[in-house]
Amino acid sequence: MNHTHAVFELDLARDEARRRAEVVAALGPGWDPVATLRGEQEAHDLLYSDLDARQQAVYDMLVAAGVLPAREAGHAAD
């Protein structure tokens, strides 16, 4: 029995570039990535502010485990 194999190639990089371009186009010209990141930071700071001792211990454990990113000094959870 003689088996032949066909070569099949798929350019995922081109499809990924197209997908990213479509996402940016869908966001529209008013999208401000810096303001978006700032808003996410503010929301994160608010979420982890005013923790009681038990909550802070859980937060610290999650940071140590790499589940949550470490915060710089001066942020709400510090």
N, C-alpha and C. Protein backbone atom coordinates (compact mmCIF):
# COMPACT_ATOMS: atom_id res chain seq x y z
N MET A 1 0.84 -1.17 0.00
CA MET A 1 0.00 0.00 0.00
C MET A 1 0.89 1.24 0.00
N ASN A 2 0.66 2.13 -0.93
CA ASN A 2 1.45 3.34 -1.04
C ASN A 2 0.64 4.53 -0.55
N HIS A 3 1.12 5.16 0.53
CA HIS A 3 0.42 6.32 1.10
C HIS A 3 1.16 7.59 0.71
N THR A 4 0.42 8.56 0.25
CA THR A 4 1.01 9.86 -0.03
C THR A 4 0.39 10.87 0.91
N HIS A 5 1.17 11.83 1.27
CA HIS A 5 0.71 12.85 2.20
C HIS A 5 0.68 14.19 1.49
N ALA A 6 -0.39 14.90 1.68
CA ALA A 6 -0.49 16.23 1.12
C ALA A 6 -0.05 17.24 2.18
N VAL A 7 0.59 18.30 1.74
CA VAL A 7 1.03 19.35 2.65
C VAL A 7 -0.10 20.36 2.75
N PHE A 8 -0.49 20.65 3.99
CA PHE A 8 -1.56 21.61 4.24
C PHE A 8 -1.00 22.68 5.15
N GLU A 9 -1.03 23.93 4.69
CA GLU A 9 -0.52 25.03 5.49
C GLU A 9 -1.62 26.06 5.69
N LEU A 10 -1.64 26.64 6.88
CA LEU A 10 -2.61 27.67 7.21
C LEU A 10 -1.84 28.81 7.84
N ASP A 11 -1.97 30.00 7.27
CA ASP A 11 -1.26 31.17 7.78
C ASP A 11 -2.09 31.82 8.89
N LEU A 12 -1.84 31.43 10.13
CA LEU A 12 -2.59 31.98 11.26
C LEU A 12 -2.19 33.42 11.56
N ALA A 13 -0.96 33.80 11.23
CA ALA A 13 -0.52 35.17 11.50
C ALA A 13 -1.36 36.16 10.70
N ARG A 14 -1.64 35.86 9.44
CA ARG A 14 -2.44 36.76 8.63
C ARG A 14 -3.86 36.85 9.17
N ASP A 15 -4.43 35.72 9.55
CA ASP A 15 -5.78 35.72 10.12
C ASP A 15 -5.82 36.47 11.45
N GLU A 16 -4.78 36.34 12.26
CA GLU A 16 -4.74 37.05 13.55
C GLU A 16 -4.62 38.55 13.32
N ALA A 17 -3.82 38.96 12.35
CA ALA A 17 -3.70 40.39 12.04
C ALA A 17 -5.04 40.95 11.57
N ARG A 18 -5.76 40.19 10.77
CA ARG A 18 -7.08 40.62 10.29
C ARG A 18 -8.06 40.72 11.45
N ARG A 19 -8.02 39.74 12.33
CA ARG A 19 -8.93 39.74 13.49
C ARG A 19 -8.67 40.95 14.37
N ARG A 20 -7.40 41.24 14.63
CA ARG A 20 -7.05 42.39 15.47
C ARG A 20 -7.49 43.70 14.82
N ALA A 21 -7.30 43.80 13.51
CA ALA A 21 -7.73 45.01 12.80
C ALA A 21 -9.24 45.19 12.90
N GLU A 22 -9.98 44.11 12.83
CA GLU A 22 -11.44 44.17 12.95
C GLU A 22 -11.87 44.59 14.35
N VAL A 23 -11.17 44.12 15.36
CA VAL A 23 -11.48 44.50 16.74
C VAL A 23 -11.25 45.99 16.94
N VAL A 24 -10.11 46.49 16.48
CA VAL A 24 -9.81 47.91 16.63
C VAL A 24 -10.82 48.76 15.85
N ALA A 25 -11.18 48.31 14.66
CA ALA A 25 -12.19 49.04 13.87
C ALA A 25 -13.53 49.06 14.59
N ALA A 26 -13.89 47.95 15.23
CA ALA A 26 -15.17 47.88 15.94
C ALA A 26 -15.18 48.78 17.17
N LEU A 27 -14.02 49.00 17.78
CA LEU A 27 -13.94 49.88 18.94
C LEU A 27 -14.22 51.32 18.56
N GLY A 28 -13.91 51.68 17.34
CA GLY A 28 -14.22 53.01 16.84
C GLY A 28 -13.15 54.03 17.16
N PRO A 29 -13.26 55.21 16.55
CA PRO A 29 -12.23 56.23 16.71
C PRO A 29 -12.21 56.89 18.09
N GLY A 30 -13.27 56.77 18.86
CA GLY A 30 -13.32 57.39 20.18
C GLY A 30 -12.70 56.56 21.28
N TRP A 31 -12.24 55.36 20.96
CA TRP A 31 -11.66 54.48 21.97
C TRP A 31 -10.30 55.03 22.39
N ASP A 32 -10.11 55.19 23.69
CA ASP A 32 -8.86 55.70 24.24
C ASP A 32 -8.24 54.60 25.11
N PRO A 33 -7.24 53.88 24.60
CA PRO A 33 -6.68 52.76 25.36
C PRO A 33 -6.06 53.18 26.69
N VAL A 34 -5.46 54.37 26.75
CA VAL A 34 -4.85 54.84 28.00
C VAL A 34 -5.94 55.08 29.04
N ALA A 35 -7.03 55.73 28.63
CA ALA A 35 -8.14 55.97 29.56
C ALA A 35 -8.78 54.66 29.99
N THR A 36 -8.86 53.71 29.08
CA THR A 36 -9.43 52.40 29.41
C THR A 36 -8.58 51.70 30.46
N LEU A 37 -7.27 51.69 30.27
CA LEU A 37 -6.38 51.06 31.25
C LEU A 37 -6.43 51.78 32.59
N ARG A 38 -6.51 53.11 32.55
CA ARG A 38 -6.61 53.88 33.79
C ARG A 38 -7.90 53.52 34.53
N GLY A 39 -8.99 53.40 33.80
CA GLY A 39 -10.27 53.02 34.41
C GLY A 39 -10.22 51.63 35.02
N GLU A 40 -9.54 50.71 34.33
CA GLU A 40 -9.39 49.36 34.88
C GLU A 40 -8.57 49.39 36.16
N GLN A 41 -7.53 50.21 36.18
CA GLN A 41 -6.70 50.33 37.38
C GLN A 41 -7.51 50.90 38.54
N GLU A 42 -8.30 51.93 38.27
CA GLU A 42 -9.14 52.53 39.31
C GLU A 42 -10.16 51.52 39.83
N ALA A 43 -10.75 50.74 38.94
CA ALA A 43 -11.72 49.73 39.37
C ALA A 43 -11.04 48.67 40.23
N HIS A 44 -9.85 48.25 39.84
CA HIS A 44 -9.11 47.25 40.62
C HIS A 44 -8.76 47.80 42.00
N ASP A 45 -8.30 49.06 42.03
CA ASP A 45 -7.96 49.68 43.32
C ASP A 45 -9.18 49.77 44.23
N LEU A 46 -10.31 50.14 43.65
CA LEU A 46 -11.54 50.24 44.43
C LEU A 46 -11.99 48.87 44.94
N LEU A 47 -11.88 47.87 44.08
CA LEU A 47 -12.30 46.52 44.46
C LEU A 47 -11.52 45.99 45.66
N TYR A 48 -10.24 46.30 45.71
CA TYR A 48 -9.39 45.77 46.77
C TYR A 48 -9.08 46.79 47.85
N SER A 49 -9.87 47.83 47.98
CA SER A 49 -9.66 48.82 49.03
C SER A 49 -10.51 48.47 50.26
N ASP A 50 -10.12 48.97 51.39
CA ASP A 50 -10.86 48.79 52.65
C ASP A 50 -11.10 47.32 52.99
N LEU A 51 -10.09 46.49 52.78
CA LEU A 51 -10.21 45.07 53.13
C LEU A 51 -10.02 44.91 54.63
N ASP A 52 -10.81 44.02 55.23
CA ASP A 52 -10.56 43.72 56.63
C ASP A 52 -9.35 42.76 56.71
N ALA A 53 -8.93 42.40 57.90
CA ALA A 53 -7.71 41.60 58.08
C ALA A 53 -7.80 40.27 57.35
N ARG A 54 -8.93 39.59 57.44
CA ARG A 54 -9.09 38.29 56.78
C ARG A 54 -9.06 38.44 55.26
N GLN A 55 -9.76 39.44 54.75
CA GLN A 55 -9.77 39.68 53.31
C GLN A 55 -8.36 40.04 52.82
N GLN A 56 -7.65 40.85 53.60
CA GLN A 56 -6.29 41.23 53.21
C GLN A 56 -5.39 40.01 53.18
N ALA A 57 -5.57 39.09 54.13
CA ALA A 57 -4.76 37.87 54.15
C ALA A 57 -5.03 37.02 52.91
N VAL A 58 -6.29 36.92 52.51
CA VAL A 58 -6.63 36.16 51.30
C VAL A 58 -6.04 36.86 50.07
N TYR A 59 -6.17 38.18 50.02
CA TYR A 59 -5.60 38.95 48.92
C TYR A 59 -4.09 38.70 48.83
N ASP A 60 -3.40 38.80 49.95
CA ASP A 60 -1.95 38.58 49.98
C ASP A 60 -1.60 37.17 49.52
N MET A 61 -2.40 36.19 49.93
CA MET A 61 -2.17 34.81 49.53
C MET A 61 -2.33 34.66 48.01
N LEU A 62 -3.34 35.30 47.43
CA LEU A 62 -3.57 35.22 45.99
C LEU A 62 -2.46 35.91 45.21
N VAL A 63 -1.95 37.01 45.74
CA VAL A 63 -0.82 37.68 45.10
C VAL A 63 0.41 36.78 45.16
N ALA A 64 0.68 36.20 46.33
CA ALA A 64 1.84 35.33 46.50
C ALA A 64 1.77 34.11 45.58
N ALA A 65 0.55 33.62 45.33
CA ALA A 65 0.37 32.45 44.47
C ALA A 65 0.39 32.82 42.99
N GLY A 66 0.43 34.12 42.69
CA GLY A 66 0.46 34.55 41.30
C GLY A 66 -0.90 34.62 40.65
N VAL A 67 -1.97 34.48 41.43
CA VAL A 67 -3.33 34.56 40.90
C VAL A 67 -3.69 36.01 40.59
N LEU A 68 -3.28 36.92 41.47
CA LEU A 68 -3.48 38.35 41.27
C LEU A 68 -2.11 39.00 41.09
N PRO A 69 -2.05 40.06 40.27
CA PRO A 69 -0.75 40.73 40.10
C PRO A 69 -0.36 41.49 41.36
N ALA A 70 0.94 41.57 41.60
CA ALA A 70 1.43 42.33 42.73
C ALA A 70 1.17 43.81 42.48
N ARG A 71 0.82 44.52 43.51
CA ARG A 71 0.53 45.95 43.40
C ARG A 71 1.74 46.74 43.85
N GLU A 72 1.91 47.91 43.27
CA GLU A 72 2.99 48.79 43.68
C GLU A 72 2.59 49.47 44.99
N ALA A 73 3.56 49.90 45.76
CA ALA A 73 3.26 50.61 47.01
C ALA A 73 2.45 51.85 46.71
N GLY A 74 1.48 52.11 47.57
CA GLY A 74 0.64 53.30 47.40
C GLY A 74 -0.69 53.00 46.75
N HIS A 75 -0.90 51.77 46.33
CA HIS A 75 -2.20 51.41 45.76
C HIS A 75 -3.15 51.04 46.88
N ALA A 76 -4.43 50.98 46.54
CA ALA A 76 -5.49 50.84 47.55
C ALA A 76 -5.34 49.60 48.41
N ALA A 77 -4.85 48.50 47.84
CA ALA A 77 -4.80 47.27 48.61
C ALA A 77 -3.58 47.19 49.50
N ASP A 78 -2.68 48.16 49.40
CA ASP A 78 -1.46 48.14 50.23
C ASP A 78 -1.73 48.62 51.63
